[in-house]
Amino acid sequence: MTGIKIIPLMEKIGAEVAGLDIRDTMSDAQSKIVRNALANHGVIYLRGQKLEPEMQVRFTRVFGEPAINHNAKKFGINGSPEIYRISNIVENGKPIGTARAGTEWHSDMCYAMRPAKATMLHARKVPQLNGFALGDTSFANTAAAWDALPVTLKRKISNLRVIYDFTRRKRGAKPSKDAIQQYPPVSHPLVRSHPITGRKSLYVSGESAGIEGKSEEEGRILIEALASHVVHPAFVYRHSWSEGDIVVWDNCTCQHKAEVDYDLPLERLMWRTTVKGSIPK
């Protein structure tokens, strides 16, 4: 017996993993249950996990090989370069993390030849106002969005490829020269197949730069229509954070978006790890 319970959060997306303390080394059976939960639900979360950096890295390895994010050079944690901080906290006049990351709907590292397989956030500090948590994260199920499309539209778009350009991401800060060289423009299938479940999903968002074989205007119209469809409320789960929460999401079947409804002196600190992925198919 593993003692793990998988509790669905919504019909289309999300599940809580209960009965698991990831400070302890997990058995193969426990690891398999958690991986399957992520593949089937797109987003999983665990409550009350007070982790040291090496514990988060170890849990990340349950899902695959941790990646070193380009932000880790500036905002990483000593001894655990796989982790980097997302935070609005300033110490000694310098930010300790990326302050306003991911405020638009997106899939992590979609601009890379091998996008991230999964991403994990560990809530260290959660801003609160009058007892209510701020800084939620919303998740959209791109597989459910594909399932809901008309058959005629599915046929029309099933073989298209979408272009991603690191320099055209909707971010406040300009990318570094090193990052631009590391991530040249790339194209991926607009309709991806999940490597474990085989389920199809829409791999398109407002950060998509164009569609191969389409004019700029045609591509923009299609991207906007599909991106809007993906984030329909029926496909979305919004997570309200508590300190100690661990949330893991699958970047093939999910997009996400940070809600920035707080500012200093309210402080927010997340530890992020990312799992290396493969070339989308």
C-alpha atoms as a PDB file:
ATOM      1  CA  MET A   1       0.000   0.000   0.000  1.00  0.00           C
ATOM      2  CA  THR A   2       1.329   3.419  -0.944  1.00  0.00           C
ATOM      3  CA  GLY A   3      -1.079   5.490   1.169  1.00  0.00           C
ATOM      4  CA  ILE A   4      -1.489   7.977  -1.686  1.00  0.00           C
ATOM      5  CA  LYS A   5      -4.873   9.386  -2.645  1.00  0.00           C
ATOM      6  CA  ILE A   6      -5.475  11.195  -5.951  1.00  0.00           C
ATOM      7  CA  ILE A   7      -8.349  13.666  -5.539  1.00  0.00           C
ATOM      8  CA  PRO A   8      -9.578  15.379  -8.747  1.00  0.00           C
ATOM      9  CA  LEU A   9      -9.982  19.144  -8.395  1.00  0.00           C
ATOM     10  CA  MET A  10     -12.128  19.806 -11.478  1.00  0.00           C
ATOM     11  CA  GLU A  11     -13.710  17.738 -14.218  1.00  0.00           C
ATOM     12  CA  LYS A  12     -11.224  18.822 -16.890  1.00  0.00           C
ATOM     13  CA  ILE A  13      -8.010  19.581 -15.017  1.00  0.00           C
ATOM     14  CA  GLY A  14      -6.112  19.210 -11.765  1.00  0.00           C
ATOM     15  CA  ALA A  15      -5.762  16.769  -8.868  1.00  0.00           C
ATOM     16  CA  GLU A  16      -4.539  16.884  -5.288  1.00  0.00           C
ATOM     17  CA  VAL A  17      -2.019  14.269  -4.199  1.00  0.00           C
ATOM     18  CA  ALA A  18      -2.742  13.442  -0.549  1.00  0.00           C
ATOM     19  CA  GLY A  19      -0.993  11.102   1.862  1.00  0.00           C
ATOM     20  CA  LEU A  20       2.531  11.707   0.602  1.00  0.00           C
ATOM     21  CA  ASP A  21       5.408  13.415   2.433  1.00  0.00           C
ATOM     22  CA  ILE A  22       8.039  14.120  -0.198  1.00  0.00           C
ATOM     23  CA  ARG A  23      10.666  14.940   2.389  1.00  0.00           C
ATOM     24  CA  ASP A  24      11.090  11.160   2.479  1.00  0.00           C
ATOM     25  CA  THR A  25      12.539   9.126  -0.362  1.00  0.00           C
ATOM     26  CA  MET A  26       9.694   7.824  -2.512  1.00  0.00           C
ATOM     27  CA  SER A  27       9.263   4.201  -3.537  1.00  0.00           C
ATOM     28  CA  ASP A  28       9.019   3.182  -7.186  1.00  0.00           C
ATOM     29  CA  ALA A  29       5.303   2.495  -6.700  1.00  0.00           C
ATOM     30  CA  GLN A  30       4.711   5.960  -5.228  1.00  0.00           C
ATOM     31  CA  SER A  31       6.679   7.612  -8.024  1.00  0.00           C
ATOM     32  CA  LYS A  32       4.645   5.791 -10.666  1.00  0.00           C
ATOM     33  CA  ILE A  33       1.343   6.869  -9.095  1.00  0.00           C
ATOM     34  CA  VAL A  34       2.440  10.506  -9.014  1.00  0.00           C
ATOM     35  CA  ARG A  35       3.705  10.448 -12.613  1.00  0.00           C
ATOM     36  CA  ASN A  36       0.462   8.904 -13.820  1.00  0.00           C
ATOM     37  CA  ALA A  37      -1.547  11.491 -11.897  1.00  0.00           C
ATOM     38  CA  LEU A  38       0.338  14.285 -13.641  1.00  0.00           C
ATOM     39  CA  ALA A  39      -0.097  12.694 -17.076  1.00  0.00           C
ATOM     40  CA  ASN A  40      -3.827  12.157 -16.549  1.00  0.00           C
ATOM     41  CA  HIS A  41      -4.760  15.396 -14.766  1.00  0.00           C
ATOM     42  CA  GLY A  42      -2.266  17.913 -16.198  1.00  0.00           C
ATOM     43  CA  VAL A  43      -1.722  19.638 -12.839  1.00  0.00           C
ATOM     44  CA  ILE A  44      -1.117  18.096  -9.417  1.00  0.00           C
ATOM     45  CA  TYR A  45      -0.571  19.711  -6.055  1.00  0.00           C
ATOM     46  CA  LEU A  46       0.537  18.664  -2.587  1.00  0.00           C
ATOM     47  CA  ARG A  47      -0.153  20.600   0.607  1.00  0.00           C
ATOM     48  CA  GLY A  48       2.147  21.465   3.485  1.00  0.00           C
ATOM     49  CA  GLN A  49       5.505  20.389   2.066  1.00  0.00           C
ATOM     50  CA  LYS A  50       8.345  22.225   3.833  1.00  0.00           C
ATOM     51  CA  LEU A  51      11.313  21.299   1.700  1.00  0.00           C
ATOM     52  CA  GLU A  52      15.013  21.968   1.620  1.00  0.00           C
ATOM     53  CA  PRO A  53      16.383  22.757  -1.861  1.00  0.00           C
ATOM     54  CA  GLU A  54      17.853  19.286  -2.357  1.00  0.00           C
ATOM     55  CA  MET A  55      14.466  17.729  -1.486  1.00  0.00           C
ATOM     56  CA  GLN A  56      12.734  19.700  -4.228  1.00  0.00           C
ATOM     57  CA  VAL A  57      15.392  18.688  -6.738  1.00  0.00           C
ATOM     58  CA  ARG A  58      14.974  15.048  -5.698  1.00  0.00           C
ATOM     59  CA  PHE A  59      11.187  15.244  -6.158  1.00  0.00           C
ATOM     60  CA  THR A  60      11.710  16.908  -9.531  1.00  0.00           C
ATOM     61  CA  ARG A  61      13.715  13.861 -10.624  1.00  0.00           C
ATOM     62  CA  VAL A  62      10.591  11.719 -10.165  1.00  0.00           C
ATOM     63  CA  PHE A  63       9.363  13.296 -13.419  1.00  0.00           C
ATOM     64  CA  GLY A  64      12.647  13.362 -15.326  1.00  0.00           C
ATOM     65  CA  GLU A  65      15.994  15.124 -15.514  1.00  0.00           C
ATOM     66  CA  PRO A  66      16.017  18.644 -14.001  1.00  0.00           C
ATOM     67  CA  ALA A  67      16.979  21.455 -16.358  1.00  0.00           C
ATOM     68  CA  ILE A  68      19.132  24.478 -15.564  1.00  0.00           C
ATOM     69  CA  ASN A  69      17.047  27.545 -16.438  1.00  0.00           C
ATOM     70  CA  HIS A  70      18.770  30.563 -17.980  1.00  0.00           C
ATOM     71  CA  ASN A  71      17.512  32.621 -15.004  1.00  0.00           C
ATOM     72  CA  ALA A  72      19.405  30.409 -12.538  1.00  0.00           C
ATOM     73  CA  LYS A  73      22.665  32.264 -13.202  1.00  0.00           C
ATOM     74  CA  LYS A  74      21.186  35.353 -11.610  1.00  0.00           C
ATOM     75  CA  PHE A  75      18.464  34.019  -9.322  1.00  0.00           C
ATOM     76  CA  GLY A  76      19.550  30.476  -8.483  1.00  0.00           C
ATOM     77  CA  ILE A  77      20.141  28.960  -5.063  1.00  0.00           C
ATOM     78  CA  ASN A  78      23.710  28.134  -4.084  1.00  0.00           C
ATOM     79  CA  GLY A  79      24.241  24.386  -4.046  1.00  0.00           C
ATOM     80  CA  SER A  80      21.106  23.710  -6.089  1.00  0.00           C
ATOM     81  CA  PRO A  81      21.471  25.370  -9.512  1.00  0.00           C
ATOM     82  CA  GLU A  82      18.391  23.466 -10.715  1.00  0.00           C
ATOM     83  CA  ILE A  83      16.253  25.846  -8.618  1.00  0.00           C
ATOM     84  CA  TYR A  84      15.687  29.480  -9.360  1.00  0.00           C
ATOM     85  CA  ARG A  85      13.607  31.985  -7.445  1.00  0.00           C
ATOM     86  CA  ILE A  86      10.499  33.780  -8.618  1.00  0.00           C
ATOM     87  CA  SER A  87      10.034  36.657  -6.205  1.00  0.00           C
ATOM     88  CA  ASN A  88       9.369  40.358  -5.768  1.00  0.00           C
ATOM     89  CA  ILE A  89      11.618  40.511  -2.696  1.00  0.00           C
ATOM     90  CA  VAL A  90      14.536  42.951  -2.729  1.00  0.00           C
ATOM     91  CA  GLU A  91      17.537  42.434  -0.445  1.00  0.00           C
ATOM     92  CA  ASN A  92      20.353  44.968  -0.134  1.00  0.00           C
ATOM     93  CA  GLY A  93      18.888  46.874  -3.043  1.00  0.00           C
ATOM     94  CA  LYS A  94      18.878  43.886  -5.394  1.00  0.00           C
ATOM     95  CA  PRO A  95      16.007  41.580  -6.437  1.00  0.00           C
ATOM     96  CA  ILE A  96      16.429  37.970  -5.316  1.00  0.00           C
ATOM     97  CA  GLY A  97      14.249  36.579  -8.109  1.00  0.00           C
ATOM     98  CA  THR A  98      12.218  37.247 -11.229  1.00  0.00           C
ATOM     99  CA  ALA A  99       9.459  39.560 -10.039  1.00  0.00           C
ATOM    100  CA  ARG A 100       6.705  39.348 -12.653  1.00  0.00           C
ATOM    101  CA  ALA A 101       7.223  36.067 -14.435  1.00  0.00           C
ATOM    102  CA  GLY A 102       4.610  34.471 -16.653  1.00  0.00           C
ATOM    103  CA  THR A 103       1.813  37.030 -16.520  1.00  0.00           C
ATOM    104  CA  GLU A 104       0.516  35.946 -19.957  1.00  0.00           C
ATOM    105  CA  TRP A 105      -0.861  32.513 -20.842  1.00  0.00           C
ATOM    106  CA  HIS A 106       2.023  30.319 -21.997  1.00  0.00           C
ATOM    107  CA  SER A 107       3.710  26.917 -21.902  1.00  0.00           C
ATOM    108  CA  ASP A 108       7.179  26.878 -20.356  1.00  0.00           C
ATOM    109  CA  MET A 109      10.115  26.950 -22.750  1.00  0.00           C
ATOM    110  CA  CYS A 110       7.897  26.663 -25.840  1.00  0.00           C
ATOM    111  CA  TYR A 111      10.624  28.695 -27.586  1.00  0.00           C
ATOM    112  CA  ALA A 112      13.154  25.847 -27.160  1.00  0.00           C
ATOM    113  CA  MET A 113      13.777  22.942 -29.529  1.00  0.00           C
ATOM    114  CA  ARG A 114      13.010  20.682 -26.563  1.00  0.00           C
ATOM    115  CA  PRO A 115      10.410  22.465 -24.427  1.00  0.00           C
ATOM    116  CA  ALA A 116      10.104  21.721 -20.725  1.00  0.00           C
ATOM    117  CA  LYS A 117       8.331  18.453 -19.940  1.00  0.00           C
ATOM    118  CA  ALA A 118       7.051  19.656 -16.578  1.00  0.00           C
ATOM    119  CA  THR A 119       7.470  22.545 -14.159  1.00  0.00           C
ATOM    120  CA  MET A 120       7.300  22.637 -10.372  1.00  0.00           C
ATOM    121  CA  LEU A 121       6.696  25.548  -7.999  1.00  0.00           C
ATOM    122  CA  HIS A 122       7.181  25.402  -4.234  1.00  0.00           C
ATOM    123  CA  ALA A 123       5.481  28.221  -2.319  1.00  0.00           C
ATOM    124  CA  ARG A 124       7.876  29.708   0.255  1.00  0.00           C
ATOM    125  CA  LYS A 125       6.127  33.043   0.872  1.00  0.00           C
ATOM    126  CA  VAL A 126       2.563  33.850  -0.187  1.00  0.00           C
ATOM    127  CA  PRO A 127       1.277  37.455  -0.111  1.00  0.00           C
ATOM    128  CA  GLN A 128      -1.934  37.943   1.840  1.00  0.00           C
ATOM    129  CA  LEU A 129      -4.345  40.814   2.283  1.00  0.00           C
ATOM    130  CA  ASN A 130      -7.011  40.715   4.990  1.00  0.00           C
ATOM    131  CA  GLY A 131      -6.521  36.972   5.313  1.00  0.00           C
ATOM    132  CA  PHE A 132      -6.868  36.244   1.589  1.00  0.00           C
ATOM    133  CA  ALA A 133      -4.015  34.804  -0.470  1.00  0.00           C
ATOM    134  CA  LEU A 134      -2.877  36.792  -3.499  1.00  0.00           C
ATOM    135  CA  GLY A 135      -0.729  35.803  -6.463  1.00  0.00           C
ATOM    136  CA  ASP A 136      -2.795  32.848  -7.713  1.00  0.00           C
ATOM    137  CA  THR A 137      -1.687  30.777 -10.706  1.00  0.00           C
ATOM    138  CA  SER A 138      -4.210  29.696 -13.347  1.00  0.00           C
ATOM    139  CA  PHE A 139      -3.886  26.570 -15.501  1.00  0.00           C
ATOM    140  CA  ALA A 140      -5.669  25.674 -18.752  1.00  0.00           C
ATOM    141  CA  ASN A 141      -6.059  22.138 -20.114  1.00  0.00           C
ATOM    142  CA  THR A 142      -4.996  22.240 -23.756  1.00  0.00           C
ATOM    143  CA  ALA A 143      -6.021  18.615 -24.319  1.00  0.00           C
ATOM    144  CA  ALA A 144      -9.595  19.300 -23.233  1.00  0.00           C
ATOM    145  CA  ALA A 145      -9.529  22.359 -25.495  1.00  0.00           C
ATOM    146  CA  TRP A 146      -8.542  20.168 -28.458  1.00  0.00           C
ATOM    147  CA  ASP A 147     -11.256  17.625 -27.645  1.00  0.00           C
ATOM    148  CA  ALA A 148     -13.888  20.383 -27.709  1.00  0.00           C
ATOM    149  CA  LEU A 149     -13.050  21.630 -31.227  1.00  0.00           C
ATOM    150  CA  PRO A 150     -15.352  20.837 -34.168  1.00  0.00           C
ATOM    151  CA  VAL A 151     -14.151  17.935 -36.317  1.00  0.00           C
ATOM    152  CA  THR A 152     -13.849  20.173 -39.388  1.00  0.00           C
ATOM    153  CA  LEU A 153     -11.508  22.567 -37.573  1.00  0.00           C
ATOM    154  CA  LYS A 154      -9.449  19.681 -36.212  1.00  0.00           C
ATOM    155  CA  ARG A 155      -8.860  18.468 -39.765  1.00  0.00           C
ATOM    156  CA  LYS A 156      -7.911  21.959 -40.904  1.00  0.00           C
ATOM    157  CA  ILE A 157      -5.234  22.525 -38.250  1.00  0.00           C
ATOM    158  CA  SER A 158      -3.984  19.027 -37.398  1.00  0.00           C
ATOM    159  CA  ASN A 159      -0.855  19.221 -39.590  1.00  0.00           C
ATOM    160  CA  LEU A 160       0.061  22.873 -39.038  1.00  0.00           C
ATOM    161  CA  ARG A 161       3.216  24.040 -37.296  1.00  0.00           C
ATOM    162  CA  VAL A 162       3.429  27.031 -34.999  1.00  0.00           C
ATOM    163  CA  ILE A 163       6.452  29.340 -34.787  1.00  0.00           C
ATOM    164  CA  TYR A 164       7.965  30.494 -31.496  1.00  0.00           C
ATOM    165  CA  ASP A 165      10.504  33.306 -31.235  1.00  0.00           C
ATOM    166  CA  PHE A 166      12.291  33.935 -27.928  1.00  0.00           C
ATOM    167  CA  THR A 167      12.819  37.613 -28.797  1.00  0.00           C
ATOM    168  CA  ARG A 168       9.084  38.202 -29.262  1.00  0.00           C
ATOM    169  CA  ARG A 169       7.895  36.878 -25.923  1.00  0.00           C
ATOM    170  CA  LYS A 170       5.601  39.181 -23.966  1.00  0.00           C
ATOM    171  CA  ARG A 171       7.962  39.938 -21.106  1.00  0.00           C
ATOM    172  CA  GLY A 172       8.862  43.136 -19.296  1.00  0.00           C
ATOM    173  CA  ALA A 173      12.630  42.558 -19.449  1.00  0.00           C
ATOM    174  CA  LYS A 174      14.545  42.188 -22.699  1.00  0.00           C
ATOM    175  CA  PRO A 175      16.251  38.811 -23.185  1.00  0.00           C
ATOM    176  CA  SER A 176      20.030  38.675 -22.861  1.00  0.00           C
ATOM    177  CA  LYS A 177      22.280  38.181 -25.882  1.00  0.00           C
ATOM    178  CA  ASP A 178      23.312  34.770 -24.533  1.00  0.00           C
ATOM    179  CA  ALA A 179      19.677  33.677 -24.229  1.00  0.00           C
ATOM    180  CA  ILE A 180      18.877  34.877 -27.757  1.00  0.00           C
ATOM    181  CA  GLN A 181      21.806  32.864 -29.138  1.00  0.00           C
ATOM    182  CA  GLN A 182      20.741  29.819 -27.116  1.00  0.00           C
ATOM    183  CA  TYR A 183      17.142  29.938 -28.364  1.00  0.00           C
ATOM    184  CA  PRO A 184      16.813  30.745 -32.094  1.00  0.00           C
ATOM    185  CA  PRO A 185      13.294  30.745 -33.611  1.00  0.00           C
ATOM    186  CA  VAL A 186      11.737  27.278 -33.729  1.00  0.00           C
ATOM    187  CA  SER A 187       8.557  25.628 -35.000  1.00  0.00           C
ATOM    188  CA  HIS A 188       6.501  22.936 -33.253  1.00  0.00           C
ATOM    189  CA  PRO A 189       3.374  20.972 -34.162  1.00  0.00           C
ATOM    190  CA  LEU A 190       0.302  23.051 -33.422  1.00  0.00           C
ATOM    191  CA  VAL A 191      -1.337  19.805 -32.296  1.00  0.00           C
ATOM    192  CA  ARG A 192       0.913  17.786 -29.966  1.00  0.00           C
ATOM    193  CA  SER A 193       0.576  14.183 -28.829  1.00  0.00           C
ATOM    194  CA  HIS A 194       1.354  13.450 -25.189  1.00  0.00           C
ATOM    195  CA  PRO A 195       4.404  11.150 -24.897  1.00  0.00           C
ATOM    196  CA  ILE A 196       2.731   8.982 -22.218  1.00  0.00           C
ATOM    197  CA  THR A 197      -1.018   9.079 -22.819  1.00  0.00           C
ATOM    198  CA  GLY A 198      -0.972   9.788 -26.568  1.00  0.00           C
ATOM    199  CA  ARG A 199      -3.698  12.366 -26.018  1.00  0.00           C
ATOM    200  CA  LYS A 200      -3.689  15.290 -28.454  1.00  0.00           C
ATOM    201  CA  SER A 201      -3.528  18.902 -27.286  1.00  0.00           C
ATOM    202  CA  LEU A 202      -3.318  22.414 -28.717  1.00  0.00           C
ATOM    203  CA  TYR A 203       0.204  23.820 -28.519  1.00  0.00           C
ATOM    204  CA  VAL A 204      -0.556  27.456 -29.273  1.00  0.00           C
ATOM    205  CA  SER A 205      -0.816  30.593 -27.162  1.00  0.00           C
ATOM    206  CA  GLY A 206      -0.662  34.366 -27.354  1.00  0.00           C
ATOM    207  CA  GLU A 207       3.133  33.996 -27.347  1.00  0.00           C
ATOM    208  CA  SER A 208       3.108  32.110 -30.667  1.00  0.00           C
ATOM    209  CA  ALA A 209       4.832  34.206 -33.343  1.00  0.00           C
ATOM    210  CA  GLY A 210       3.185  32.758 -36.459  1.00  0.00           C
ATOM    211  CA  ILE A 211       1.991  29.718 -38.389  1.00  0.00           C
ATOM    212  CA  GLU A 212       4.174  28.100 -41.050  1.00  0.00           C
ATOM    213  CA  GLY A 213       2.684  28.489 -44.523  1.00  0.00           C
ATOM    214  CA  LYS A 214       0.269  31.222 -43.433  1.00  0.00           C
ATOM    215  CA  SER A 215       0.510  34.962 -43.982  1.00  0.00           C
ATOM    216  CA  GLU A 216       1.185  37.069 -40.906  1.00  0.00           C
ATOM    217  CA  GLU A 217      -2.466  38.134 -40.767  1.00  0.00           C
ATOM    218  CA  GLU A 218      -3.851  34.619 -41.325  1.00  0.00           C
ATOM    219  CA  GLY A 219      -1.533  33.239 -38.672  1.00  0.00           C
ATOM    220  CA  ARG A 220      -2.435  35.949 -36.180  1.00  0.00           C
ATOM    221  CA  ILE A 221      -6.178  35.393 -36.641  1.00  0.00           C
ATOM    222  CA  LEU A 222      -5.852  31.630 -36.145  1.00  0.00           C
ATOM    223  CA  ILE A 223      -3.517  31.995 -33.166  1.00  0.00           C
ATOM    224  CA  GLU A 224      -5.817  34.468 -31.441  1.00  0.00           C
ATOM    225  CA  ALA A 225      -8.877  32.277 -31.999  1.00  0.00           C
ATOM    226  CA  LEU A 226      -7.245  29.099 -30.702  1.00  0.00           C
ATOM    227  CA  ALA A 227      -5.445  30.830 -27.824  1.00  0.00           C
ATOM    228  CA  SER A 228      -8.740  32.312 -26.659  1.00  0.00           C
ATOM    229  CA  HIS A 229     -10.446  28.917 -26.916  1.00  0.00           C
ATOM    230  CA  VAL A 230      -7.756  27.185 -24.827  1.00  0.00           C
ATOM    231  CA  VAL A 231      -8.353  29.444 -21.828  1.00  0.00           C
ATOM    232  CA  HIS A 232     -12.143  29.097 -21.775  1.00  0.00           C
ATOM    233  CA  PRO A 233     -13.249  28.865 -18.104  1.00  0.00           C
ATOM    234  CA  ALA A 234     -14.430  25.267 -18.627  1.00  0.00           C
ATOM    235  CA  PHE A 235     -10.788  24.216 -19.115  1.00  0.00           C
ATOM    236  CA  VAL A 236      -9.216  26.358 -16.359  1.00  0.00           C
ATOM    237  CA  TYR A 237      -8.201  25.653 -12.748  1.00  0.00           C
ATOM    238  CA  ARG A 238      -7.060  28.580 -10.604  1.00  0.00           C
ATOM    239  CA  HIS A 239      -4.775  27.659  -7.712  1.00  0.00           C
ATOM    240  CA  SER A 240      -4.835  29.747  -4.557  1.00  0.00           C
ATOM    241  CA  TRP A 241      -1.471  29.275  -2.885  1.00  0.00           C
ATOM    242  CA  SER A 242      -0.633  28.425   0.709  1.00  0.00           C
ATOM    243  CA  GLU A 243       2.899  28.317   2.046  1.00  0.00           C
ATOM    244  CA  GLY A 244       4.305  24.829   1.617  1.00  0.00           C
ATOM    245  CA  ASP A 245       2.264  24.024  -1.495  1.00  0.00           C
ATOM    246  CA  ILE A 246       3.955  22.106  -4.289  1.00  0.00           C
ATOM    247  CA  VAL A 247       2.331  22.387  -7.721  1.00  0.00           C
ATOM    248  CA  VAL A 248       3.558  20.429 -10.741  1.00  0.00           C
ATOM    249  CA  TRP A 249       2.178  20.862 -14.240  1.00  0.00           C
ATOM    250  CA  ASP A 250       2.623  19.128 -17.578  1.00  0.00           C
ATOM    251  CA  ASN A 251       3.685  21.594 -20.270  1.00  0.00           C
ATOM    252  CA  CYS A 252       2.322  19.443 -23.093  1.00  0.00           C
ATOM    253  CA  THR A 253      -1.270  19.453 -21.829  1.00  0.00           C
ATOM    254  CA  CYS A 254      -1.288  22.706 -19.849  1.00  0.00           C
ATOM    255  CA  GLN A 255      -0.749  26.406 -20.189  1.00  0.00           C
ATOM    256  CA  HIS A 256      -0.487  28.637 -17.154  1.00  0.00           C
ATOM    257  CA  LYS A 257      -0.613  32.265 -16.141  1.00  0.00           C
ATOM    258  CA  ALA A 258       0.489  34.141 -13.020  1.00  0.00           C
ATOM    259  CA  GLU A 259      -1.971  36.542 -11.422  1.00  0.00           C
ATOM    260  CA  VAL A 260      -0.051  39.631 -10.264  1.00  0.00           C
ATOM    261  CA  ASP A 261      -2.500  41.296  -7.868  1.00  0.00           C
ATOM    262  CA  TYR A 262       0.037  42.205  -5.175  1.00  0.00           C
ATOM    263  CA  ASP A 263       3.093  44.387  -4.682  1.00  0.00           C
ATOM    264  CA  LEU A 264       5.560  45.314  -1.963  1.00  0.00           C
ATOM    265  CA  PRO A 265       5.435  45.376   0.998  1.00  0.00           C
ATOM    266  CA  LEU A 266       3.524  42.123   0.351  1.00  0.00           C
ATOM    267  CA  GLU A 267       6.193  39.533  -0.440  1.00  0.00           C
ATOM    268  CA  ARG A 268       6.011  36.450  -2.659  1.00  0.00           C
ATOM    269  CA  LEU A 269       8.692  33.785  -3.062  1.00  0.00           C
ATOM    270  CA  MET A 270       8.509  30.630  -5.172  1.00  0.00           C
ATOM    271  CA  TRP A 271      11.168  28.044  -5.874  1.00  0.00           C
ATOM    272  CA  ARG A 272      10.936  26.771  -9.433  1.00  0.00           C
ATOM    273  CA  THR A 273      12.384  23.646 -10.994  1.00  0.00           C
ATOM    274  CA  THR A 274      11.903  22.446 -14.556  1.00  0.00           C
ATOM    275  CA  VAL A 275      12.073  18.981 -16.119  1.00  0.00           C
ATOM    276  CA  LYS A 276      13.835  18.538 -19.458  1.00  0.00           C
ATOM    277  CA  GLY A 277      11.589  17.564 -22.338  1.00  0.00           C
ATOM    278  CA  SER A 278      11.836  16.059 -25.811  1.00  0.00           C
ATOM    279  CA  ILE A 279      11.122  17.388 -29.300  1.00  0.00           C
ATOM    280  CA  PRO A 280       7.313  17.716 -29.606  1.00  0.00           C
ATOM    281  CA  LYS A 281       5.515  15.282 -31.910  1.00  0.00           C
END
